[in-house]
N, C-alpha and C. Protein backbone atom coordinates (compact mmCIF):
# COMPACT_ATOMS: atom_id res chain seq x y z
N MET A 1 -10.82 9.49 -13.17
CA MET A 1 -11.83 8.73 -12.43
C MET A 1 -11.73 8.82 -10.73
N LYS A 2 -12.78 9.31 -10.04
CA LYS A 2 -12.72 9.70 -8.86
C LYS A 2 -12.84 8.20 -8.04
N THR A 3 -11.94 7.96 -7.22
CA THR A 3 -11.82 6.73 -6.29
C THR A 3 -13.10 6.71 -5.46
N GLU A 4 -13.84 5.57 -5.38
CA GLU A 4 -14.93 5.46 -4.47
C GLU A 4 -14.46 4.77 -3.31
N ARG A 5 -14.81 5.54 -2.13
CA ARG A 5 -14.19 4.84 -0.74
C ARG A 5 -15.55 4.56 0.03
N GLN A 6 -15.68 3.44 0.65
CA GLN A 6 -16.73 3.01 1.53
C GLN A 6 -16.20 3.00 2.88
N ASP A 7 -16.95 3.59 3.82
CA ASP A 7 -16.70 3.35 5.24
C ASP A 7 -16.86 2.04 5.73
N PRO A 8 -16.07 1.48 6.68
CA PRO A 8 -16.17 0.26 7.06
C PRO A 8 -17.40 0.00 7.86
N PRO A 9 -18.04 -1.13 7.88
CA PRO A 9 -19.31 -1.37 8.66
C PRO A 9 -19.03 -1.26 10.06
N LEU A 10 -20.14 -0.74 10.78
CA LEU A 10 -20.11 -0.63 12.24
C LEU A 10 -20.33 -1.85 12.88
N THR A 11 -20.98 -2.91 12.31
CA THR A 11 -21.35 -4.02 12.75
C THR A 11 -20.83 -5.09 11.69
N GLY A 12 -20.63 -6.27 12.10
CA GLY A 12 -20.33 -7.58 11.07
C GLY A 12 -19.29 -8.29 11.73
N SER A 13 -19.06 -9.31 10.72
CA SER A 13 -17.98 -10.47 11.28
C SER A 13 -16.52 -9.78 11.34
N GLU A 14 -15.80 -10.60 12.14
CA GLU A 14 -14.20 -9.93 12.09
C GLU A 14 -13.77 -9.89 10.68
N ARG A 15 -13.98 -10.90 9.72
CA ARG A 15 -13.42 -10.93 8.53
C ARG A 15 -13.90 -9.79 7.68
N ALA A 16 -15.22 -9.54 7.79
CA ALA A 16 -15.72 -8.37 6.85
C ALA A 16 -15.12 -7.03 7.51
N THR A 17 -15.01 -6.94 8.65
CA THR A 17 -14.55 -5.67 9.25
C THR A 17 -13.00 -5.42 8.88
N LEU A 18 -12.26 -6.43 8.83
CA LEU A 18 -10.89 -6.53 8.67
C LEU A 18 -10.54 -6.04 7.23
N ASP A 19 -11.39 -6.83 6.33
CA ASP A 19 -11.35 -6.57 4.88
C ASP A 19 -11.74 -5.11 4.48
N ALA A 20 -12.69 -4.67 5.16
CA ALA A 20 -13.41 -3.28 4.82
C ALA A 20 -12.48 -2.20 5.16
N PHE A 21 -11.67 -2.45 6.43
CA PHE A 21 -10.84 -1.41 6.99
C PHE A 21 -9.74 -1.39 5.92
N LEU A 22 -9.10 -2.46 5.66
CA LEU A 22 -7.97 -2.58 4.68
C LEU A 22 -8.41 -1.80 3.31
N ASP A 23 -9.41 -2.27 2.69
CA ASP A 23 -9.91 -1.59 1.37
C ASP A 23 -10.16 -0.05 1.58
N TYR A 24 -10.65 0.37 2.84
CA TYR A 24 -10.94 1.75 3.05
C TYR A 24 -9.45 2.54 3.02
N HIS A 25 -8.39 1.97 3.60
CA HIS A 25 -7.02 2.57 3.69
C HIS A 25 -6.49 2.50 2.29
N ARG A 26 -6.73 1.48 1.49
CA ARG A 26 -6.30 1.34 0.05
C ARG A 26 -6.77 2.58 -0.72
N ALA A 27 -8.13 2.71 -0.45
CA ALA A 27 -8.96 3.83 -1.15
C ALA A 27 -8.34 5.09 -0.86
N THR A 28 -7.98 5.32 0.39
CA THR A 28 -7.60 6.58 1.00
C THR A 28 -6.22 7.00 0.28
N LEU A 29 -5.34 5.93 0.08
CA LEU A 29 -4.06 6.31 -0.48
C LEU A 29 -4.58 6.71 -1.93
N ALA A 30 -5.41 6.10 -2.54
CA ALA A 30 -5.62 6.33 -4.10
C ALA A 30 -6.20 7.71 -4.18
N LEU A 31 -7.01 8.11 -3.23
CA LEU A 31 -7.57 9.40 -3.32
C LEU A 31 -6.57 10.59 -3.16
N LYS A 32 -5.51 10.15 -2.16
CA LYS A 32 -4.46 11.29 -2.03
C LYS A 32 -3.67 11.53 -3.30
N CYS A 33 -3.75 10.51 -4.35
CA CYS A 33 -2.89 10.52 -5.49
C CYS A 33 -3.69 11.15 -6.71
N GLU A 34 -4.99 11.35 -6.39
CA GLU A 34 -5.82 11.76 -7.76
C GLU A 34 -5.41 13.08 -8.19
N GLY A 35 -5.50 13.22 -9.60
CA GLY A 35 -5.29 14.63 -10.13
C GLY A 35 -3.91 15.39 -10.02
N LEU A 36 -2.88 14.52 -9.84
CA LEU A 36 -1.52 15.20 -9.73
C LEU A 36 -0.77 14.99 -11.00
N SER A 37 0.07 15.99 -11.29
CA SER A 37 0.86 16.02 -12.44
C SER A 37 2.11 14.96 -12.02
N ASP A 38 3.03 14.58 -12.94
CA ASP A 38 4.02 13.74 -12.69
C ASP A 38 5.09 14.25 -11.64
N GLU A 39 5.15 15.67 -11.86
CA GLU A 39 6.21 16.25 -10.88
C GLU A 39 5.60 16.34 -9.48
N GLN A 40 4.21 16.44 -9.43
CA GLN A 40 3.70 16.51 -7.99
C GLN A 40 3.66 15.18 -7.38
N TRP A 41 3.66 14.02 -8.18
CA TRP A 41 3.66 12.82 -7.66
C TRP A 41 5.14 12.68 -6.91
N ARG A 42 6.17 13.22 -7.52
CA ARG A 42 7.47 13.13 -6.95
C ARG A 42 7.93 14.20 -5.84
N THR A 43 6.98 15.09 -5.52
CA THR A 43 7.23 16.09 -4.65
C THR A 43 7.43 15.41 -3.28
N CYS A 44 8.55 15.73 -2.45
CA CYS A 44 9.02 15.24 -1.30
C CYS A 44 8.33 15.91 -0.25
N SER A 45 8.16 15.28 0.88
CA SER A 45 7.50 15.92 2.04
C SER A 45 8.16 17.14 2.67
N ALA A 46 9.34 16.92 3.05
CA ALA A 46 10.32 18.04 3.39
C ALA A 46 11.59 17.55 3.53
N ALA A 47 12.61 18.46 3.23
CA ALA A 47 14.06 17.96 3.22
C ALA A 47 14.49 17.63 4.61
N PRO A 48 15.13 16.58 4.90
CA PRO A 48 15.91 15.82 3.84
C PRO A 48 15.24 14.73 3.51
N SER A 49 14.00 14.52 3.78
CA SER A 49 13.16 13.32 3.42
C SER A 49 13.04 12.96 2.06
N ASN A 50 13.02 11.81 1.51
CA ASN A 50 12.73 11.63 0.07
C ASN A 50 11.38 10.92 -0.17
N LEU A 51 10.56 11.06 0.99
CA LEU A 51 9.28 10.44 1.01
C LEU A 51 8.30 11.26 0.03
N SER A 52 7.62 10.54 -1.06
CA SER A 52 6.88 11.19 -1.83
C SER A 52 5.61 10.32 -2.06
N LEU A 53 4.56 10.77 -2.79
CA LEU A 53 3.37 9.90 -3.00
C LEU A 53 3.75 8.85 -3.95
N LEU A 54 4.65 9.18 -4.89
CA LEU A 54 5.08 8.10 -5.91
C LEU A 54 5.81 7.03 -5.06
N GLY A 55 6.64 7.54 -4.30
CA GLY A 55 7.40 6.47 -3.48
C GLY A 55 6.45 5.66 -2.61
N LEU A 56 5.29 6.28 -1.93
CA LEU A 56 4.53 5.65 -1.10
C LEU A 56 3.75 4.50 -1.80
N VAL A 57 3.33 4.84 -2.85
CA VAL A 57 2.51 3.94 -3.83
C VAL A 57 3.40 2.78 -4.30
N ARG A 58 4.74 3.04 -4.67
CA ARG A 58 5.61 1.97 -4.97
C ARG A 58 5.98 1.09 -3.72
N HIS A 59 6.00 1.68 -2.54
CA HIS A 59 6.17 0.89 -1.39
C HIS A 59 5.19 0.11 -1.06
N MET A 60 3.96 0.66 -1.16
CA MET A 60 2.85 -0.22 -0.75
C MET A 60 2.51 -1.40 -1.74
N ALA A 61 3.04 -1.25 -3.04
CA ALA A 61 2.90 -2.30 -3.74
C ALA A 61 3.88 -3.36 -3.37
N GLU A 62 5.09 -3.12 -2.92
CA GLU A 62 6.05 -4.03 -2.55
C GLU A 62 5.48 -4.68 -1.22
N VAL A 63 4.89 -3.82 -0.17
CA VAL A 63 4.32 -4.46 1.00
C VAL A 63 3.26 -5.30 0.74
N GLU A 64 2.21 -5.13 -0.16
CA GLU A 64 1.26 -6.02 -0.60
C GLU A 64 1.81 -7.24 -1.17
N ARG A 65 2.72 -7.12 -2.08
CA ARG A 65 3.37 -8.24 -2.63
C ARG A 65 4.07 -9.21 -1.72
N HIS A 66 4.83 -8.46 -0.67
CA HIS A 66 5.55 -9.32 0.33
C HIS A 66 4.61 -10.05 1.21
N TRP A 67 3.56 -9.27 1.90
CA TRP A 67 2.90 -10.13 2.93
C TRP A 67 1.88 -11.04 2.31
N PHE A 68 1.20 -10.74 1.16
CA PHE A 68 0.21 -11.72 0.63
C PHE A 68 0.79 -12.77 -0.38
N ARG A 69 1.91 -12.39 -1.18
CA ARG A 69 2.44 -13.35 -2.14
C ARG A 69 3.38 -14.22 -1.41
N ARG A 70 4.46 -13.50 -0.82
CA ARG A 70 5.57 -14.25 -0.37
C ARG A 70 5.25 -14.90 0.92
N VAL A 71 4.61 -14.07 1.93
CA VAL A 71 4.39 -14.74 3.21
C VAL A 71 3.14 -15.60 3.25
N LEU A 72 2.02 -15.17 2.92
CA LEU A 72 0.87 -16.12 2.96
C LEU A 72 0.74 -17.04 1.82
N ASN A 73 1.11 -16.85 0.74
CA ASN A 73 1.04 -17.79 -0.30
C ASN A 73 2.25 -18.51 -0.65
N GLY A 74 3.38 -18.08 -0.04
CA GLY A 74 4.70 -18.82 -0.17
C GLY A 74 5.13 -18.79 -1.51
N GLU A 75 4.80 -17.68 -2.24
CA GLU A 75 5.46 -17.55 -3.68
C GLU A 75 6.96 -16.87 -3.66
N ASP A 76 7.62 -17.29 -4.67
CA ASP A 76 8.88 -16.66 -4.77
C ASP A 76 8.87 -15.28 -5.74
N ALA A 77 8.21 -14.45 -5.20
CA ALA A 77 7.85 -13.18 -6.09
C ALA A 77 9.17 -12.23 -5.76
N GLU A 78 9.58 -11.98 -6.88
CA GLU A 78 10.83 -10.96 -6.89
C GLU A 78 10.35 -9.48 -6.54
N PRO A 79 11.15 -8.80 -5.91
CA PRO A 79 10.87 -7.47 -5.62
C PRO A 79 10.44 -6.63 -6.88
N LEU A 80 9.70 -5.60 -6.75
CA LEU A 80 9.26 -4.75 -7.89
C LEU A 80 10.22 -3.60 -8.04
N TYR A 81 10.71 -3.04 -6.95
CA TYR A 81 11.48 -1.82 -7.00
C TYR A 81 12.88 -1.70 -6.28
N TYR A 82 13.11 -2.63 -5.47
CA TYR A 82 14.17 -2.55 -4.67
C TYR A 82 15.18 -3.80 -4.96
N SER A 83 16.27 -3.63 -4.56
CA SER A 83 17.42 -4.62 -4.89
C SER A 83 18.37 -4.40 -3.81
N ARG A 84 19.46 -5.38 -3.68
CA ARG A 84 20.48 -5.43 -2.74
C ARG A 84 21.17 -4.08 -2.82
N GLU A 85 21.57 -3.65 -4.18
CA GLU A 85 22.05 -2.35 -4.41
C GLU A 85 21.25 -1.11 -4.02
N HIS A 86 19.88 -1.22 -4.11
CA HIS A 86 18.96 -0.13 -3.91
C HIS A 86 17.88 -0.67 -2.86
N PRO A 87 18.11 -0.92 -1.54
CA PRO A 87 17.26 -1.42 -0.72
C PRO A 87 16.07 -0.46 -0.57
N ASP A 88 16.05 0.85 -0.76
CA ASP A 88 15.08 1.69 -0.62
C ASP A 88 14.61 2.28 -2.04
N GLY A 89 14.80 1.30 -3.17
CA GLY A 89 14.46 1.66 -4.44
C GLY A 89 13.05 2.12 -4.74
N ASP A 90 12.15 1.64 -3.90
CA ASP A 90 10.80 2.12 -4.00
C ASP A 90 10.62 3.59 -3.82
N PHE A 91 11.43 4.07 -2.91
CA PHE A 91 11.47 5.46 -2.50
C PHE A 91 12.50 6.46 -3.30
N GLU A 92 13.58 5.80 -3.62
CA GLU A 92 14.49 6.68 -4.17
C GLU A 92 14.78 6.53 -5.75
N LEU A 93 14.36 5.49 -6.36
CA LEU A 93 14.59 5.46 -7.88
C LEU A 93 13.44 5.96 -8.49
N LEU A 94 13.20 7.27 -8.50
CA LEU A 94 11.98 7.82 -9.09
C LEU A 94 12.26 8.66 -10.22
N ASP A 95 13.31 9.06 -10.65
CA ASP A 95 13.54 10.18 -11.80
C ASP A 95 12.91 9.37 -13.01
N GLN A 96 13.02 8.23 -13.49
CA GLN A 96 12.49 7.66 -14.68
C GLN A 96 11.11 6.82 -14.30
N ALA A 97 10.71 6.79 -12.97
CA ALA A 97 9.60 6.08 -12.68
C ALA A 97 8.19 6.92 -13.33
N ASP A 98 7.41 5.90 -13.78
CA ASP A 98 6.14 6.48 -14.38
C ASP A 98 5.14 6.38 -13.34
N PRO A 99 4.42 7.49 -12.87
CA PRO A 99 3.30 7.33 -11.88
C PRO A 99 2.22 6.49 -12.19
N ALA A 100 1.74 6.51 -13.49
CA ALA A 100 0.63 5.69 -14.10
C ALA A 100 1.01 4.26 -13.84
N GLU A 101 2.30 3.88 -14.19
CA GLU A 101 2.69 2.41 -14.11
C GLU A 101 2.78 2.09 -12.63
N ALA A 102 3.15 2.91 -11.74
CA ALA A 102 3.31 2.56 -10.36
C ALA A 102 1.91 2.39 -9.86
N LEU A 103 0.97 3.36 -10.08
CA LEU A 103 -0.41 3.12 -9.63
C LEU A 103 -1.06 1.89 -10.15
N ALA A 104 -0.88 1.51 -11.47
CA ALA A 104 -1.48 0.41 -12.03
C ALA A 104 -0.82 -0.89 -11.45
N THR A 105 0.55 -0.92 -11.24
CA THR A 105 1.20 -1.92 -10.47
C THR A 105 0.59 -2.22 -8.99
N TRP A 106 0.50 -1.11 -8.31
CA TRP A 106 0.02 -1.24 -6.94
C TRP A 106 -1.41 -1.73 -7.03
N GLN A 107 -2.26 -1.22 -7.76
CA GLN A 107 -3.74 -1.69 -7.95
C GLN A 107 -3.77 -3.12 -8.26
N ALA A 108 -2.83 -3.56 -9.13
CA ALA A 108 -2.85 -5.12 -9.31
C ALA A 108 -2.36 -5.82 -8.21
N GLU A 109 -1.49 -5.26 -7.47
CA GLU A 109 -0.93 -6.14 -6.20
C GLU A 109 -2.15 -6.12 -5.46
N CYS A 110 -2.85 -4.93 -5.11
CA CYS A 110 -3.92 -5.00 -4.15
C CYS A 110 -4.94 -6.07 -4.58
N ALA A 111 -5.37 -6.12 -5.85
CA ALA A 111 -6.24 -7.09 -6.53
C ALA A 111 -5.86 -8.63 -6.24
N HIS A 112 -4.57 -8.72 -6.45
CA HIS A 112 -4.12 -10.03 -6.20
C HIS A 112 -4.12 -10.54 -4.63
N SER A 113 -3.79 -9.44 -3.88
CA SER A 113 -3.75 -9.70 -2.33
C SER A 113 -5.18 -9.99 -1.98
N ARG A 114 -6.20 -9.35 -2.39
CA ARG A 114 -7.58 -9.69 -2.17
C ARG A 114 -7.94 -10.98 -2.50
N THR A 115 -7.52 -11.44 -3.71
CA THR A 115 -7.92 -12.91 -4.11
C THR A 115 -7.20 -13.79 -3.28
N LEU A 116 -5.98 -13.75 -2.87
CA LEU A 116 -5.24 -14.56 -2.12
C LEU A 116 -5.81 -14.58 -0.46
N ALA A 117 -6.19 -13.47 -0.01
CA ALA A 117 -6.77 -13.48 1.21
C ALA A 117 -8.27 -14.06 1.24
N ALA A 118 -8.97 -13.89 0.21
CA ALA A 118 -10.45 -14.43 0.15
C ALA A 118 -10.23 -15.87 0.18
N ALA A 119 -9.22 -16.57 -0.38
CA ALA A 119 -9.18 -18.05 -0.61
C ALA A 119 -8.62 -18.49 0.75
N ALA A 120 -8.32 -17.84 1.85
CA ALA A 120 -7.68 -18.29 2.99
C ALA A 120 -8.54 -17.94 4.14
N ASP A 121 -8.38 -18.75 5.18
CA ASP A 121 -9.03 -18.61 6.61
C ASP A 121 -8.15 -17.60 7.40
N LEU A 122 -8.82 -16.79 8.24
CA LEU A 122 -8.14 -16.00 9.10
C LEU A 122 -6.96 -16.55 9.92
N ASP A 123 -7.02 -18.05 10.13
CA ASP A 123 -6.09 -18.73 10.87
C ASP A 123 -4.98 -19.30 10.06
N ALA A 124 -5.05 -19.13 8.71
CA ALA A 124 -4.05 -19.71 7.85
C ALA A 124 -2.88 -18.99 8.12
N THR A 125 -1.62 -19.59 7.92
CA THR A 125 -0.36 -19.03 8.27
C THR A 125 0.51 -18.94 7.09
N GLY A 126 1.58 -18.20 7.25
CA GLY A 126 2.58 -18.10 6.33
C GLY A 126 3.92 -17.78 6.98
N THR A 127 5.03 -18.07 6.48
CA THR A 127 6.33 -17.78 7.41
C THR A 127 7.13 -16.41 6.77
N HIS A 128 7.45 -15.78 7.77
CA HIS A 128 8.32 -14.63 7.64
C HIS A 128 9.29 -14.55 8.66
N ARG A 129 10.65 -14.63 8.19
CA ARG A 129 11.69 -14.50 9.32
C ARG A 129 11.68 -15.80 10.34
N GLU A 130 11.27 -16.90 9.64
CA GLU A 130 11.27 -18.07 10.37
C GLU A 130 10.21 -18.03 11.60
N ARG A 131 9.14 -17.16 11.36
CA ARG A 131 8.07 -17.16 12.37
C ARG A 131 6.75 -17.14 11.63
N GLU A 132 5.74 -17.90 12.17
CA GLU A 132 4.51 -18.06 11.58
C GLU A 132 3.66 -16.90 11.84
N HIS A 133 2.95 -16.29 10.73
CA HIS A 133 2.03 -15.17 10.87
C HIS A 133 0.84 -15.45 10.24
N SER A 134 -0.22 -15.39 11.09
CA SER A 134 -1.76 -15.76 10.56
C SER A 134 -2.35 -14.53 9.72
N LEU A 135 -3.11 -15.02 8.81
CA LEU A 135 -3.80 -13.97 7.83
C LEU A 135 -4.50 -12.89 8.63
N ARG A 136 -5.00 -13.30 9.78
CA ARG A 136 -5.49 -12.29 10.69
C ARG A 136 -4.47 -11.21 11.08
N TRP A 137 -3.36 -11.69 11.43
CA TRP A 137 -2.17 -10.76 11.92
C TRP A 137 -1.77 -9.86 10.62
N ILE A 138 -1.77 -10.63 9.28
CA ILE A 138 -1.17 -9.80 8.20
C ILE A 138 -2.23 -8.77 7.97
N LEU A 139 -3.57 -9.11 8.05
CA LEU A 139 -4.63 -7.98 7.75
C LEU A 139 -4.43 -6.86 8.75
N VAL A 140 -4.42 -7.07 9.97
CA VAL A 140 -4.20 -5.99 10.84
C VAL A 140 -2.85 -5.27 10.66
N HIS A 141 -1.77 -6.02 10.37
CA HIS A 141 -0.52 -5.10 10.01
C HIS A 141 -0.67 -4.35 8.80
N MET A 142 -1.38 -4.80 7.93
CA MET A 142 -1.51 -4.10 6.66
C MET A 142 -2.43 -2.78 6.77
N ILE A 143 -3.43 -2.90 7.66
CA ILE A 143 -4.25 -1.74 8.12
C ILE A 143 -3.44 -0.82 8.86
N GLU A 144 -2.65 -1.11 9.75
CA GLU A 144 -1.52 -0.24 10.38
C GLU A 144 -0.46 0.29 9.47
N GLU A 145 -0.11 -0.41 8.44
CA GLU A 145 0.89 0.01 7.61
C GLU A 145 0.22 1.37 6.70
N TYR A 146 -0.94 0.83 6.20
CA TYR A 146 -1.63 1.84 5.43
C TYR A 146 -1.95 3.20 6.20
N ALA A 147 -2.55 3.05 7.47
CA ALA A 147 -2.92 4.06 8.32
C ALA A 147 -1.69 4.97 8.54
N ARG A 148 -0.53 4.52 8.84
CA ARG A 148 0.64 5.32 9.05
C ARG A 148 1.06 5.93 7.75
N HIS A 149 1.09 5.33 6.60
CA HIS A 149 1.54 5.99 5.43
C HIS A 149 0.47 7.03 4.89
N ASN A 150 -0.84 6.67 5.13
CA ASN A 150 -1.92 7.66 4.74
C ASN A 150 -1.80 9.07 5.47
N GLY A 151 -1.24 8.98 6.84
CA GLY A 151 -0.91 10.18 7.42
C GLY A 151 0.27 10.92 6.68
N HIS A 152 1.17 10.24 6.19
CA HIS A 152 2.38 10.78 5.59
C HIS A 152 1.77 11.37 4.12
N ALA A 153 0.83 10.58 3.56
CA ALA A 153 0.31 10.98 2.23
C ALA A 153 -0.48 12.32 2.29
N ASP A 154 -1.26 12.31 3.54
CA ASP A 154 -2.13 13.45 3.81
C ASP A 154 -1.10 15.00 3.90
N LEU A 155 -0.04 14.76 4.72
CA LEU A 155 0.85 15.79 4.69
C LEU A 155 1.49 16.14 3.47
N ILE A 156 1.85 15.19 2.68
CA ILE A 156 2.53 15.42 1.28
C ILE A 156 1.53 16.17 0.51
N ARG A 157 0.22 15.69 0.36
CA ARG A 157 -0.73 16.16 -0.43
C ARG A 157 -1.12 17.64 -0.16
N GLU A 158 -1.16 17.93 1.31
CA GLU A 158 -1.33 19.21 1.71
C GLU A 158 -0.16 20.19 1.36
N ARG A 159 1.12 19.64 1.27
CA ARG A 159 2.24 20.37 0.76
C ARG A 159 2.08 20.73 -0.65
N ILE A 160 1.67 19.75 -1.47
CA ILE A 160 1.50 19.97 -2.90
C ILE A 160 0.55 20.86 -3.23
N ASP A 161 -0.72 20.92 -2.83
CA ASP A 161 -1.68 21.76 -3.24
C ASP A 161 -2.74 22.32 -2.26
N GLY A 162 -2.56 21.96 -0.97
CA GLY A 162 -3.42 22.35 0.09
C GLY A 162 -4.57 21.52 0.40
N VAL A 163 -4.66 20.47 -0.52
CA VAL A 163 -5.78 19.52 -0.36
C VAL A 163 -5.66 18.80 1.03
N VAL A 164 -6.57 18.79 1.74
CA VAL A 164 -6.46 17.98 3.10
C VAL A 164 -7.79 17.11 3.32
N GLY A 165 -7.76 16.31 4.29
CA GLY A 165 -8.86 15.33 4.39
C GLY A 165 -8.77 14.18 3.63
N GLU A 166 -10.26 13.68 3.39
CA GLU A 166 -10.35 12.41 2.62
C GLU A 166 -10.02 11.38 3.47
């Protein structure tokens, strides 16, 4: 199934613009992962880096979970892929990882994040490292996080099969 991606509006409210840019970047990551074999999902960017599309999707599931469930909503949500023994488990523990499961988990975290964000005002806050962060800040941070990692995803995908853009 081809991911549908909508360009963010050129005019509109602050909230609509932030939500649209975040969804645009979420869709961009999904597009970068379409049509790959399990082996291609695990292809690393360049030695010695362990950065792969599978790792990026798992990482972004963790990031969504952290900022929306833990910080904004105050949930005690356990990490999905990392632990004290494996602080970079989202990127490193990929040998037995299932790309379809990782993609479904990430999409579920995105859907839950949308629900939590929709129920809150931009000025709503949550605590991270003993500091208050507004939903507005979280949305801007998430856009930045996706934009950075989508650049990585673009380079990895080009390395895999020459596909660029999107």
